[in-house]
Amino acid sequence: MDEIKVRLKWLIAFRVVVVTLLLGLSIAFQIAKNELVFAYYALIVFTYAITIAYAVALRQLSTTRALQQFAYAQIGVDLLLETFLVARTEGISSPFLTLYVITVLCASFILQRRGGLIMAGVSVILFGLVTIVQQRGWADSLGWFSSEPLPPLTTLQAYSMHALAVLAGGFLSGTLAEQLKRADQSLVETEQGLSRLQAFHENVVQSIPSGVFTTDGEGRLTWLNRAALDMTGYETGAVLHRSWWEVFGGKRDNAFRKVPDSFEVESQRADGSRLVLGMTLSPLTEGNVRVGLVGVFKDLTQMRDLEEEMRRREWFAKIGEMSAGMAHEIRNPLGGMAGALQMLRKEPTIDEENARLMDIATREATRLNAIVTEFLRYSRPPDLNLKECDLRELVDDTVALIRHDGHLREVQAVTVHHGEHVPMIQVDPDKMKQVFWNLATNALQAMPTGGWVTISTACRRVTSGKRSGDIVEVAVQDTGVGIKKEDLNKIFFPFFTTKQNGSGLGLATAQRIVDQHGGWIRVDSEEGKGARFAVCLPVEAGSGLRLWHEGREPWKKS
């Protein structure tokens, strides 16, 4: 319907142009010869008037059948006007006979071959009537035919040639119009098929759970599927035309790999979190010419985290077995040594120097026994006594204890900031107080010349790819000496310490307790600028957030 309506609009416009040019030129010639004919003016005015009427009527039509009938009516009126014009201008010798052919061509264009042949037949009949009237002289009294009638044979020959030309034009133009219509339909169907095929292929690629990207010949990204964007956290505009190794590989050396090739690479998401990818590169070719690369990758971060978690659990199990034997092998003789030293210390004949040395030995034996006991507690943590708790209250209790037990010096200060809408969660209150105590005392010890320790609580949402969850975060931030970059990946190892009298089990114990609660500790520190330890605990117990949240490295930013 829209197509025939557009063609009718073209017909209306074309009619105005043709009438203006042909009749306008005729009037110009008549003015030059001082032979003005009123009929030309009337015909032009009438044509413009019905054209306006056509344009108005066209807006009211909404069905294909009505538009076709309207087209037949318009073309029929055009043939009548052309017949009138031919009759007024020498009949069979009229210079306007070509208008019949033009009108038939327009009919074929709009109404296809059937409409073109019908209009060709009508024009032949109308022209035949004009020829008969002229030949018989029936309208001589009107003065329409300015030329003398032609001989009958010449008239028949002229009429036959004109009729043949009109009919042939109607048939050929109609046939051509139908072929063009079929070609257009075939082209539309082909385009629709290609569009469906393209959409299908795109949907297939977009639905693949693996990340897929393509590059140009210089390694710049030209396209990424939805899974690739979800895994990396990037928006399309942020990575297009960037080097693929800059986005995924992190090292320019990866750009010079021979393809096809498969490898594993550690990268980063848009938020800076760790991302381990298993990637396969293949050449992208056009006509056996390599024009770029096709990369397919999977997110192996969770798998590597689980592997690391299993290794860590195996390590803890071995430590537990070792610590049980070590407790018997060390604590029994150590107790005997301490008792013997105490007995010797009571001897009246011992001099002052030996007494001092025995006091030192007794004190160190006691310290060693405490370290062994703490290590045994670390390697075999007891079961948790979970209760519904408000972490803000646990933090307040811990801070009150710190302020009254002598750990806090005059040049140090501890402030607390609690966030709003922090939910109650299931924790072991005594174990969690131990975590806060260890972190707070470490922060105070990291500020030998004074400073501020700020403990804050908040509820926030963490996201990794399509997975997300709510956590309660308790952050302990100090203004102390900070942590050296090379020590960041060691601070949670048992017995690692940078303090002279430290056991190296404080942070390790804190992390072990937080692990038992299904949480994690995140660290942000720079040497000379203090440190921030954030204890992150899932609101929903057993949600498994710790295993997939932003990698296993506790020293990366939260």
Protein backbone atom coordinates (compact mmCIF):
# COMPACT_ATOMS: atom_id res chain seq x y z
CA MET A 1 0.00 0.00 0.00
CA ASP A 2 2.77 2.41 0.87
CA GLU A 3 4.49 1.68 -2.44
CA ILE A 4 1.49 2.51 -4.64
CA LYS A 5 0.80 5.60 -2.57
CA VAL A 6 4.31 6.86 -3.17
CA ARG A 7 3.97 6.19 -6.89
CA LEU A 8 0.71 8.14 -7.02
CA LYS A 9 2.46 11.07 -5.40
CA TRP A 10 5.14 10.88 -8.08
CA LEU A 11 2.42 10.76 -10.75
CA ILE A 12 0.80 13.92 -9.38
CA ALA A 13 4.12 15.74 -9.34
CA PHE A 14 5.06 14.47 -12.80
CA ARG A 15 1.71 15.62 -14.22
CA VAL A 16 2.30 19.16 -12.98
CA VAL A 17 5.77 19.23 -14.53
CA VAL A 18 4.64 17.86 -17.91
CA VAL A 19 1.64 20.18 -18.18
CA THR A 20 3.70 23.17 -17.18
CA LEU A 21 6.43 22.42 -19.72
CA LEU A 22 4.40 21.29 -22.73
CA LEU A 23 1.45 23.62 -22.50
CA GLY A 24 3.63 26.42 -21.23
CA LEU A 25 5.94 26.12 -24.26
CA SER A 26 2.93 25.96 -26.60
CA ILE A 27 1.52 29.14 -25.09
CA ALA A 28 4.93 30.79 -25.45
CA PHE A 29 5.05 29.90 -29.16
CA GLN A 30 1.49 31.15 -29.65
CA ILE A 31 2.36 34.44 -27.98
CA ALA A 32 5.29 34.74 -30.35
CA LYS A 33 2.91 34.21 -33.30
CA ASN A 34 0.14 36.37 -31.79
CA GLU A 35 -2.15 33.31 -31.89
CA LEU A 36 -3.50 32.95 -28.38
CA VAL A 37 -5.86 30.01 -27.71
CA PHE A 38 -8.02 30.26 -24.60
CA ALA A 39 -8.31 26.46 -24.41
CA TYR A 40 -4.65 26.14 -23.40
CA TYR A 41 -5.12 28.44 -20.43
CA ALA A 42 -8.30 26.62 -19.43
CA LEU A 43 -6.57 23.24 -19.73
CA ILE A 44 -3.64 24.33 -17.54
CA VAL A 45 -5.93 25.78 -14.89
CA PHE A 46 -8.13 22.71 -14.93
CA THR A 47 -5.11 20.40 -14.65
CA TYR A 48 -3.76 22.31 -11.66
CA ALA A 49 -7.19 22.25 -10.02
CA ILE A 50 -7.70 18.49 -10.35
CA THR A 51 -4.10 17.91 -9.24
CA ILE A 52 -4.85 19.72 -5.99
CA ALA A 53 -8.01 17.66 -5.66
CA TYR A 54 -5.98 14.48 -6.26
CA ALA A 55 -3.48 15.42 -3.53
CA VAL A 56 -6.27 16.07 -1.04
CA ALA A 57 -8.13 12.87 -1.92
CA LEU A 58 -4.93 10.79 -1.71
CA ARG A 59 -4.60 11.54 2.02
CA GLN A 60 -8.01 10.03 2.70
CA LEU A 61 -7.30 6.66 1.08
CA SER A 62 -5.96 3.86 3.25
CA THR A 63 -6.50 0.58 1.36
CA THR A 64 -4.68 -0.90 -1.60
CA ARG A 65 -7.90 -1.47 -3.57
CA ALA A 66 -9.00 2.14 -3.10
CA LEU A 67 -5.59 3.40 -4.21
CA GLN A 68 -5.69 1.23 -7.33
CA GLN A 69 -9.15 2.52 -8.26
CA PHE A 70 -7.93 6.05 -7.63
CA ALA A 71 -4.97 5.42 -9.97
CA TYR A 72 -7.28 4.16 -12.74
CA ALA A 73 -9.46 7.25 -12.31
CA GLN A 74 -6.52 9.65 -12.49
CA ILE A 75 -5.01 8.05 -15.57
CA GLY A 76 -8.43 7.82 -17.26
CA VAL A 77 -8.98 11.56 -16.72
CA ASP A 78 -5.48 12.22 -18.08
CA LEU A 79 -6.35 10.30 -21.26
CA LEU A 80 -9.55 12.31 -21.69
CA LEU A 81 -7.65 15.60 -21.30
CA GLU A 82 -5.00 14.40 -23.75
CA THR A 83 -7.75 13.41 -26.22
CA PHE A 84 -9.24 16.89 -25.91
CA LEU A 85 -5.80 18.43 -26.47
CA VAL A 86 -5.13 16.22 -29.52
CA ALA A 87 -8.53 17.08 -30.99
CA ARG A 88 -7.79 20.79 -30.55
CA THR A 89 -4.36 20.46 -32.22
CA GLU A 90 -4.70 18.88 -35.68
CA GLY A 91 -6.03 15.50 -34.54
CA ILE A 92 -4.06 12.67 -36.09
CA SER A 93 -1.22 15.09 -36.89
CA SER A 94 -1.14 16.58 -33.37
CA PRO A 95 2.29 17.09 -31.80
CA PHE A 96 0.81 15.96 -28.44
CA LEU A 97 0.25 12.33 -29.48
CA THR A 98 3.34 11.43 -27.43
CA LEU A 99 1.34 12.15 -24.27
CA TYR A 100 -0.62 8.95 -24.84
CA VAL A 101 2.60 6.92 -24.69
CA ILE A 102 3.79 8.75 -21.57
CA THR A 103 0.48 8.14 -19.81
CA VAL A 104 0.53 4.44 -20.69
CA LEU A 105 4.07 4.16 -19.37
CA CYS A 106 2.93 5.80 -16.11
CA ALA A 107 0.00 3.38 -15.92
CA SER A 108 2.38 0.42 -16.30
CA PHE A 109 4.67 1.86 -13.64
CA ILE A 110 1.83 2.21 -11.12
CA LEU A 111 -0.64 -0.55 -12.08
CA GLN A 112 1.78 -3.09 -13.58
CA ARG A 113 1.27 -4.80 -16.97
CA ARG A 114 -2.48 -5.33 -16.67
CA GLY A 115 -3.14 -1.70 -15.89
CA GLY A 116 -0.76 -0.57 -18.63
CA LEU A 117 -2.52 -2.70 -21.27
CA ILE A 118 -5.97 -1.49 -20.14
CA MET A 119 -4.90 2.14 -20.38
CA ALA A 120 -3.19 1.46 -23.72
CA GLY A 121 -6.45 0.01 -25.06
CA VAL A 122 -8.44 3.00 -23.77
CA SER A 123 -6.01 5.44 -25.39
CA VAL A 124 -6.22 3.55 -28.71
CA ILE A 125 -10.04 3.73 -28.59
CA LEU A 126 -10.03 7.44 -27.73
CA PHE A 127 -7.53 8.23 -30.46
CA GLY A 128 -9.58 6.12 -32.90
CA LEU A 129 -12.66 8.17 -32.09
CA VAL A 130 -10.72 11.38 -32.73
CA THR A 131 -9.45 9.97 -36.01
CA ILE A 132 -12.96 8.97 -37.14
CA VAL A 133 -14.44 12.34 -36.21
CA GLN A 134 -11.65 14.14 -38.04
CA GLN A 135 -11.86 11.92 -41.12
CA ARG A 136 -15.66 12.20 -41.33
CA GLY A 137 -15.61 15.91 -40.74
CA TRP A 138 -18.22 15.65 -38.02
CA ALA A 139 -16.67 18.44 -35.96
CA ASP A 140 -15.74 20.86 -38.74
CA SER A 141 -18.29 23.32 -37.47
CA LEU A 142 -16.37 23.54 -34.15
CA GLY A 143 -13.14 24.45 -35.89
CA TRP A 144 -11.10 21.98 -33.84
CA PHE A 145 -9.14 20.39 -36.69
CA SER A 146 -7.06 23.04 -38.39
CA SER A 147 -5.60 20.67 -41.00
CA GLU A 148 -7.36 18.98 -43.90
CA PRO A 149 -8.35 15.32 -43.50
CA LEU A 150 -5.63 12.92 -44.68
CA PRO A 151 -6.25 10.31 -47.34
CA PRO A 152 -7.94 7.21 -45.91
CA LEU A 153 -4.90 4.98 -46.47
CA THR A 154 -2.54 7.48 -44.87
CA THR A 155 -4.94 7.95 -41.96
CA LEU A 156 -5.16 4.17 -41.43
CA GLN A 157 -1.39 3.86 -41.61
CA ALA A 158 -0.82 6.70 -39.10
CA TYR A 159 -3.46 5.38 -36.74
CA SER A 160 -2.11 1.82 -36.94
CA MET A 161 1.46 2.93 -36.21
CA HIS A 162 0.33 5.03 -33.26
CA ALA A 163 -1.90 2.26 -31.87
CA LEU A 164 0.89 -0.29 -32.27
CA ALA A 165 3.36 2.00 -30.52
CA VAL A 166 0.97 2.62 -27.61
CA LEU A 167 0.07 -1.06 -27.20
CA ALA A 168 3.69 -2.19 -27.53
CA GLY A 169 4.75 0.45 -25.04
CA GLY A 170 2.06 -0.64 -22.60
CA PHE A 171 2.98 -4.30 -22.94
CA LEU A 172 6.76 -3.84 -22.73
CA SER A 173 6.66 -1.28 -19.94
CA GLY A 174 4.19 -3.43 -18.01
CA THR A 175 6.35 -6.50 -18.43
CA LEU A 176 9.41 -4.52 -17.36
CA ALA A 177 7.51 -3.14 -14.37
CA GLU A 178 6.50 -6.64 -13.26
CA GLN A 179 10.04 -7.91 -13.66
CA LEU A 180 11.33 -4.99 -11.63
CA LYS A 181 8.70 -5.71 -9.00
CA ARG A 182 9.73 -9.36 -8.83
CA ALA A 183 13.37 -8.32 -8.68
CA ASP A 184 12.57 -5.89 -5.87
CA GLN A 185 10.66 -8.58 -4.01
CA SER A 186 13.49 -11.03 -4.52
CA LEU A 187 16.00 -8.43 -3.34
CA VAL A 188 13.87 -7.66 -0.29
CA GLU A 189 13.54 -11.36 0.50
CA THR A 190 17.28 -11.81 0.04
CA GLU A 191 18.00 -8.85 2.30
CA GLN A 192 15.55 -10.17 4.87
CA GLY A 193 17.17 -13.60 4.67
CA LEU A 194 20.61 -12.08 5.06
CA SER A 195 19.36 -9.97 7.96
CA ARG A 196 17.85 -13.03 9.62
CA LEU A 197 21.03 -15.01 9.01
CA GLN A 198 23.16 -12.15 10.33
CA ALA A 199 20.90 -11.78 13.37
CA PHE A 200 21.03 -15.54 13.94
CA HIS A 201 24.81 -15.62 13.76
CA GLU A 202 25.03 -12.56 15.99
CA ASN A 203 22.64 -14.11 18.50
CA VAL A 204 24.66 -17.32 18.46
CA VAL A 205 27.91 -15.46 19.09
CA GLN A 206 26.31 -13.22 21.68
CA SER A 207 24.82 -16.24 23.46
CA ILE A 208 28.12 -18.09 23.73
CA PRO A 209 29.23 -18.08 27.39
CA SER A 210 32.86 -17.65 26.31
CA GLY A 211 34.26 -14.23 25.54
CA VAL A 212 34.92 -13.54 21.85
CA PHE A 213 36.70 -10.58 20.24
CA THR A 214 38.15 -9.63 16.87
CA THR A 215 41.01 -7.32 15.96
CA ASP A 216 42.36 -5.60 12.89
CA GLY A 217 45.77 -6.31 11.39
CA GLU A 218 47.52 -4.20 14.02
CA GLY A 219 45.89 -5.92 16.96
CA ARG A 220 43.33 -3.22 17.77
CA LEU A 221 39.96 -4.47 19.02
CA THR A 222 37.12 -4.12 16.51
CA TRP A 223 34.33 -6.15 18.16
CA LEU A 224 33.52 -7.95 21.43
CA ASN A 225 30.56 -10.13 22.34
CA ARG A 226 28.39 -9.64 25.41
CA ALA A 227 30.19 -12.33 27.46
CA ALA A 228 33.55 -10.61 26.88
CA LEU A 229 32.16 -7.31 28.18
CA ASP A 230 30.55 -9.01 31.19
CA MET A 231 33.76 -10.82 32.15
CA THR A 232 35.95 -7.73 31.91
CA GLY A 233 33.44 -5.18 33.17
CA TYR A 234 34.23 -2.79 30.31
CA GLU A 235 31.83 -0.84 28.11
CA THR A 236 32.23 -1.28 24.35
CA GLY A 237 33.36 2.29 23.75
CA ALA A 238 36.08 2.00 26.40
CA VAL A 239 37.98 -0.82 24.66
CA LEU A 240 37.33 -0.51 20.92
CA HIS A 241 40.42 0.45 18.92
CA ARG A 242 42.67 -0.39 21.89
CA SER A 243 45.31 -3.12 21.58
CA TRP A 244 43.94 -6.47 22.67
CA TRP A 245 47.00 -7.25 24.78
CA GLU A 246 46.53 -3.98 26.63
CA VAL A 247 42.96 -4.93 27.55
CA PHE A 248 43.39 -8.66 28.16
CA GLY A 249 47.06 -9.54 28.38
CA GLY A 250 48.73 -6.84 30.36
CA LYS A 251 52.04 -7.46 28.57
CA ARG A 252 52.96 -6.37 25.07
CA ASP A 253 54.94 -9.60 24.62
CA ASN A 254 51.62 -11.43 24.24
CA ALA A 255 51.01 -9.49 21.02
CA PHE A 256 53.78 -11.36 19.22
CA ARG A 257 52.51 -14.87 19.84
CA LYS A 258 52.23 -17.13 16.85
CA VAL A 259 48.63 -18.06 16.11
CA PRO A 260 46.74 -20.28 16.49
CA ASP A 261 47.82 -20.52 20.12
CA SER A 262 46.31 -21.20 23.54
CA PHE A 263 47.63 -19.76 26.77
CA GLU A 264 46.61 -18.49 30.19
CA VAL A 265 47.01 -14.85 31.09
CA GLU A 266 46.39 -12.86 34.27
CA SER A 267 44.65 -9.56 33.60
CA GLN A 268 42.42 -7.07 35.39
CA ARG A 269 38.76 -6.15 35.20
CA ALA A 270 37.67 -2.58 34.64
CA ASP A 271 37.44 -2.10 38.42
CA GLY A 272 41.04 -3.24 38.90
CA SER A 273 40.20 -6.68 40.32
CA ARG A 274 42.10 -9.81 39.32
CA LEU A 275 41.02 -11.73 36.21
CA VAL A 276 42.57 -15.00 35.02
CA LEU A 277 41.75 -15.86 31.41
CA GLY A 278 42.29 -19.00 29.38
CA MET A 279 42.65 -17.61 25.86
CA THR A 280 42.86 -19.05 22.35
CA LEU A 281 43.95 -16.89 19.40
CA SER A 282 43.23 -17.74 15.77
CA PRO A 283 43.90 -15.79 12.55
CA LEU A 284 41.02 -13.81 11.01
CA THR A 285 41.24 -14.18 7.22
CA GLU A 286 39.51 -12.81 4.14
CA GLY A 287 40.29 -14.64 0.92
CA ASN A 288 43.27 -16.45 2.45
CA VAL A 289 44.69 -13.10 3.57
CA ARG A 290 45.15 -12.55 7.29
CA VAL A 291 43.42 -9.33 8.29
CA GLY A 292 43.37 -9.69 12.08
CA LEU A 293 42.80 -12.06 14.98
CA VAL A 294 39.90 -13.87 16.59
CA GLY A 295 40.23 -14.40 20.34
CA VAL A 296 38.12 -16.78 22.44
CA PHE A 297 38.58 -16.86 26.21
CA LYS A 298 37.06 -18.16 29.43
CA ASP A 299 37.14 -16.74 32.94
CA LEU A 300 39.34 -19.09 35.00
CA THR A 301 39.50 -16.82 38.05
CA GLN A 302 37.10 -18.83 40.17
CA MET A 303 38.73 -22.10 39.17
CA ARG A 304 42.19 -20.83 40.13
CA ASP A 305 40.76 -19.44 43.39
CA LEU A 306 39.29 -22.82 44.23
CA GLU A 307 42.60 -24.53 43.42
CA GLU A 308 44.42 -22.08 45.68
CA GLU A 309 41.81 -22.60 48.39
CA MET A 310 42.33 -26.38 48.18
CA ARG A 311 46.12 -25.97 48.39
CA ARG A 312 45.71 -23.69 51.37
CA ARG A 313 43.42 -26.18 53.13
CA GLU A 314 45.88 -29.00 52.49
CA TRP A 315 48.63 -26.81 53.89
CA PHE A 316 46.58 -26.08 57.01
CA ALA A 317 45.88 -29.78 57.44
CA LYS A 318 49.59 -30.55 57.31
CA ILE A 319 50.30 -27.75 59.77
CA GLY A 320 47.65 -29.19 62.11
CA GLU A 321 49.27 -32.62 62.02
CA MET A 322 52.71 -31.12 62.56
CA SER A 323 51.56 -28.82 65.38
CA ALA A 324 50.03 -31.72 67.35
CA GLY A 325 53.33 -33.53 67.43
CA MET A 326 55.26 -30.31 67.98
CA ALA A 327 53.13 -29.42 71.02
CA HIS A 328 54.12 -32.71 72.74
CA GLU A 329 57.74 -32.55 71.64
CA ILE A 330 58.30 -28.91 72.66
CA ARG A 331 55.90 -28.06 75.48
CA ASN A 332 56.84 -31.00 77.78
CA PRO A 333 60.61 -30.37 77.81
CA LEU A 334 59.96 -26.66 77.82
CA GLY A 335 57.85 -27.01 80.97
CA GLY A 336 60.60 -29.08 82.57
CA MET A 337 63.22 -26.46 81.69
CA ALA A 338 61.08 -23.67 83.14
CA GLY A 339 60.52 -25.63 86.38
CA ALA A 340 64.22 -26.41 86.73
CA LEU A 341 65.12 -22.77 86.20
CA GLN A 342 62.65 -21.69 88.86
CA MET A 343 64.14 -24.18 91.35
CA LEU A 344 67.66 -23.00 90.60
CA ARG A 345 66.54 -19.40 91.00
CA LYS A 346 65.55 -20.16 94.59
CA GLU A 347 69.06 -21.35 95.51
CA PRO A 348 70.49 -18.96 98.19
CA THR A 349 74.04 -19.23 96.88
CA ILE A 350 73.28 -17.98 93.36
CA ASP A 351 74.90 -14.66 92.50
CA GLU A 352 73.08 -11.68 91.03
CA GLU A 353 74.35 -12.15 87.47
CA ASN A 354 73.26 -15.77 87.27
CA ALA A 355 69.91 -14.87 88.80
CA ARG A 356 69.37 -12.28 86.07
CA LEU A 357 70.26 -14.80 83.37
CA MET A 358 67.85 -17.35 84.86
CA ASP A 359 65.08 -14.75 84.90
CA ILE A 360 65.71 -14.10 81.21
CA ALA A 361 65.68 -17.82 80.41
CA THR A 362 62.46 -18.34 82.37
CA ARG A 363 60.78 -15.42 80.65
CA GLU A 364 61.81 -16.60 77.17
CA ALA A 365 60.66 -20.14 77.97
CA THR A 366 57.28 -18.75 78.98
CA ARG A 367 57.13 -16.68 75.76
CA LEU A 368 58.05 -19.70 73.67
CA ASN A 369 55.32 -21.73 75.37
CA ALA A 370 52.81 -18.96 74.56
CA ILE A 371 53.88 -18.96 70.90
CA VAL A 372 53.46 -22.73 70.68
CA THR A 373 50.03 -22.49 72.31
CA GLU A 374 48.97 -19.70 69.92
CA PHE A 375 50.26 -21.61 66.92
CA LEU A 376 48.37 -24.72 68.02
CA ARG A 377 45.21 -22.63 68.37
CA TYR A 378 45.81 -21.20 64.85
CA SER A 379 46.39 -24.54 63.16
CA ARG A 380 43.36 -26.17 64.81
CA PRO A 381 40.76 -23.47 65.31
CA PRO A 382 37.78 -24.49 67.47
CA ASP A 383 34.23 -24.55 66.11
CA LEU A 384 32.47 -21.21 65.87
CA ASN A 385 29.76 -20.24 68.31
CA LEU A 386 27.61 -18.27 65.87
CA LYS A 387 25.13 -15.69 67.11
CA GLU A 388 23.09 -12.91 65.54
CA CYS A 389 25.31 -9.89 66.28
CA ASP A 390 25.63 -6.20 65.51
CA LEU A 391 29.24 -5.66 64.49
CA ARG A 392 29.00 -2.03 65.58
CA GLU A 393 28.55 -3.16 69.18
CA LEU A 394 31.50 -5.57 68.92
CA VAL A 395 33.67 -2.75 67.57
CA ASP A 396 32.60 -0.43 70.42
CA ASP A 397 33.42 -3.12 73.01
CA THR A 398 36.85 -3.72 71.45
CA VAL A 399 37.68 0.00 71.32
CA ALA A 400 36.61 0.45 74.96
CA LEU A 401 38.94 -2.39 75.98
CA ILE A 402 41.84 -0.87 74.00
CA ARG A 403 41.34 2.53 75.64
CA HIS A 404 41.48 1.05 79.16
CA ASP A 405 44.19 -1.61 79.02
CA GLY A 406 47.24 0.60 78.52
CA HIS A 407 47.83 -0.05 74.80
CA LEU A 408 46.76 3.48 73.85
CA ARG A 409 49.38 6.19 74.39
CA GLU A 410 48.85 9.92 74.72
CA VAL A 411 50.10 10.63 71.17
CA GLN A 412 47.62 8.14 69.70
CA ALA A 413 43.88 8.37 69.18
CA VAL A 414 41.15 5.89 68.14
CA THR A 415 37.95 7.12 66.49
CA VAL A 416 34.91 5.13 65.40
CA HIS A 417 32.49 5.91 62.54
CA HIS A 418 29.45 3.68 62.14
CA GLY A 419 27.46 3.58 58.91
CA GLU A 420 23.69 3.53 58.78
CA HIS A 421 21.57 0.45 58.03
CA VAL A 422 24.28 -2.06 58.97
CA PRO A 423 22.41 -5.39 59.28
CA MET A 424 22.80 -8.03 61.97
CA ILE A 425 24.84 -11.03 60.80
CA GLN A 426 25.79 -14.46 62.13
CA VAL A 427 29.28 -14.36 63.73
CA ASP A 428 31.17 -15.69 66.73
CA PRO A 429 31.35 -12.53 68.87
CA ASP A 430 34.45 -13.56 70.87
CA LYS A 431 36.39 -14.57 67.76
CA MET A 432 35.35 -11.41 65.92
CA LYS A 433 36.46 -9.24 68.86
CA GLN A 434 39.82 -11.01 68.65
CA VAL A 435 40.05 -10.04 64.95
CA PHE A 436 39.27 -6.37 65.67
CA TRP A 437 41.67 -6.41 68.62
CA ASN A 438 44.54 -7.81 66.50
CA LEU A 439 43.99 -5.31 63.69
CA ALA A 440 43.62 -2.33 66.05
CA THR A 441 46.71 -3.19 68.14
CA ASN A 442 48.74 -3.72 64.95
CA ALA A 443 47.61 -0.29 63.77
CA LEU A 444 48.69 1.30 67.07
CA GLN A 445 52.06 -0.45 66.92
CA ALA A 446 52.54 0.88 63.36
CA MET A 447 52.40 4.46 64.75
CA PRO A 448 55.38 4.67 67.15
CA THR A 449 55.43 8.48 66.95
CA GLY A 450 51.66 8.87 67.26
CA GLY A 451 48.72 9.20 64.92
CA TRP A 452 45.07 8.29 64.42
CA VAL A 453 43.35 4.93 64.06
CA THR A 454 39.90 5.11 62.46
CA ILE A 455 37.55 2.14 62.69
CA SER A 456 34.49 2.34 60.42
CA THR A 457 31.54 0.07 59.69
CA ALA A 458 29.37 0.03 56.57
CA CYS A 459 27.17 -2.16 54.44
CA ARG A 460 27.91 -2.28 50.73
CA ARG A 461 27.42 -4.44 47.67
CA VAL A 462 30.24 -6.22 45.86
CA THR A 463 30.01 -7.30 42.23
CA SER A 464 32.05 -9.64 40.04
CA GLY A 465 30.76 -10.07 36.50
CA LYS A 466 27.09 -11.05 36.85
CA ARG A 467 27.44 -12.15 40.49
CA SER A 468 26.89 -9.83 43.42
CA GLY A 469 26.14 -9.85 47.12
CA ASP A 470 25.83 -7.65 50.21
CA ILE A 471 28.63 -7.51 52.79
CA VAL A 472 29.28 -5.77 56.08
CA GLU A 473 32.70 -4.11 56.05
CA VAL A 474 34.69 -3.18 59.17
CA ALA A 475 37.73 -1.11 58.19
CA VAL A 476 40.71 -0.30 60.42
CA GLN A 477 42.77 2.57 59.01
CA ASP A 478 45.91 4.08 60.52
CA THR A 479 48.35 6.89 59.73
CA GLY A 480 51.43 4.84 60.52
CA VAL A 481 54.51 3.70 58.65
CA GLY A 482 52.60 1.59 56.12
CA ILE A 483 53.64 -1.71 54.60
CA LYS A 484 56.46 -2.22 52.13
CA LYS A 485 55.36 -3.31 48.68
CA GLU A 486 57.45 -6.47 48.79
CA ASP A 487 55.84 -7.46 52.12
CA LEU A 488 52.21 -7.07 51.04
CA ASN A 489 51.93 -10.64 49.81
CA LYS A 490 53.46 -12.08 53.00
CA ILE A 491 51.67 -10.31 55.85
CA PHE A 492 49.08 -13.08 56.35
CA PHE A 493 51.63 -15.91 56.38
CA PRO A 494 52.17 -17.55 59.79
CA PHE A 495 55.31 -16.37 61.61
CA PHE A 496 55.94 -13.49 59.18
CA THR A 497 56.49 -10.30 61.14
CA THR A 498 58.37 -7.01 60.84
CA LYS A 499 58.24 -6.34 64.61
CA GLN A 500 61.12 -7.28 66.88
CA ASN A 501 59.01 -9.07 69.48
CA GLY A 502 56.12 -10.18 67.26
CA SER A 503 55.12 -13.81 66.79
CA GLY A 504 53.80 -13.33 63.26
CA LEU A 505 50.52 -15.02 64.13
CA GLY A 506 48.27 -12.02 64.80
CA LEU A 507 47.23 -11.29 61.21
CA ALA A 508 47.35 -14.97 60.25
CA THR A 509 44.94 -15.77 63.11
CA ALA A 510 42.66 -12.86 62.15
CA GLN A 511 42.49 -14.05 58.55
CA ARG A 512 41.83 -17.64 59.66
CA ILE A 513 38.89 -16.52 61.80
CA VAL A 514 37.49 -14.37 58.98
CA ASP A 515 37.91 -17.32 56.60
CA GLN A 516 35.87 -19.47 58.96
CA HIS A 517 33.06 -16.90 58.70
CA GLY A 518 33.16 -17.03 54.88
CA GLY A 519 34.67 -13.55 54.58
CA TRP A 520 37.97 -12.01 53.53
CA ILE A 521 40.37 -9.24 54.53
CA ARG A 522 41.41 -6.61 52.00
CA VAL A 523 44.47 -4.43 52.43
CA ASP A 524 45.31 -1.05 50.93
CA SER A 525 48.68 0.32 52.00
CA GLU A 526 51.59 2.41 50.81
CA GLU A 527 54.88 2.70 52.66
CA GLY A 528 54.99 5.87 54.74
CA LYS A 529 51.28 6.62 54.26
CA GLY A 530 49.55 4.20 56.61
CA ALA A 531 47.44 1.13 55.95
CA ARG A 532 43.78 0.16 55.72
CA PHE A 533 42.59 -3.34 56.65
CA ALA A 534 38.97 -4.09 55.69
CA VAL A 535 37.20 -7.12 57.14
CA CYS A 536 34.45 -8.12 54.69
CA LEU A 537 31.73 -10.48 55.93
CA PRO A 538 28.80 -11.66 53.77
CA VAL A 539 25.36 -10.71 55.05
CA GLU A 540 23.98 -14.11 54.00
CA ALA A 541 25.90 -16.92 55.67
CA GLY A 542 27.21 -19.54 53.27
CA SER A 543 26.86 -17.32 50.19
CA GLY A 544 30.35 -18.28 49.02
CA LEU A 545 31.27 -14.69 48.19
CA ARG A 546 34.82 -15.10 49.42
CA LEU A 547 35.70 -17.70 46.80
CA TRP A 548 34.88 -15.53 43.81
CA HIS A 549 35.13 -11.95 44.99
CA GLU A 550 37.84 -10.11 43.03
CA GLY A 551 40.50 -12.80 43.32
CA ARG A 552 42.19 -14.39 46.33
CA GLU A 553 44.99 -11.84 46.87
CA PRO A 554 44.16 -10.10 50.17
CA TRP A 555 46.54 -7.25 49.48
CA LYS A 556 44.58 -5.81 46.54
CA LYS A 557 42.20 -2.90 46.90
CA SER A 558 38.62 -3.61 47.87
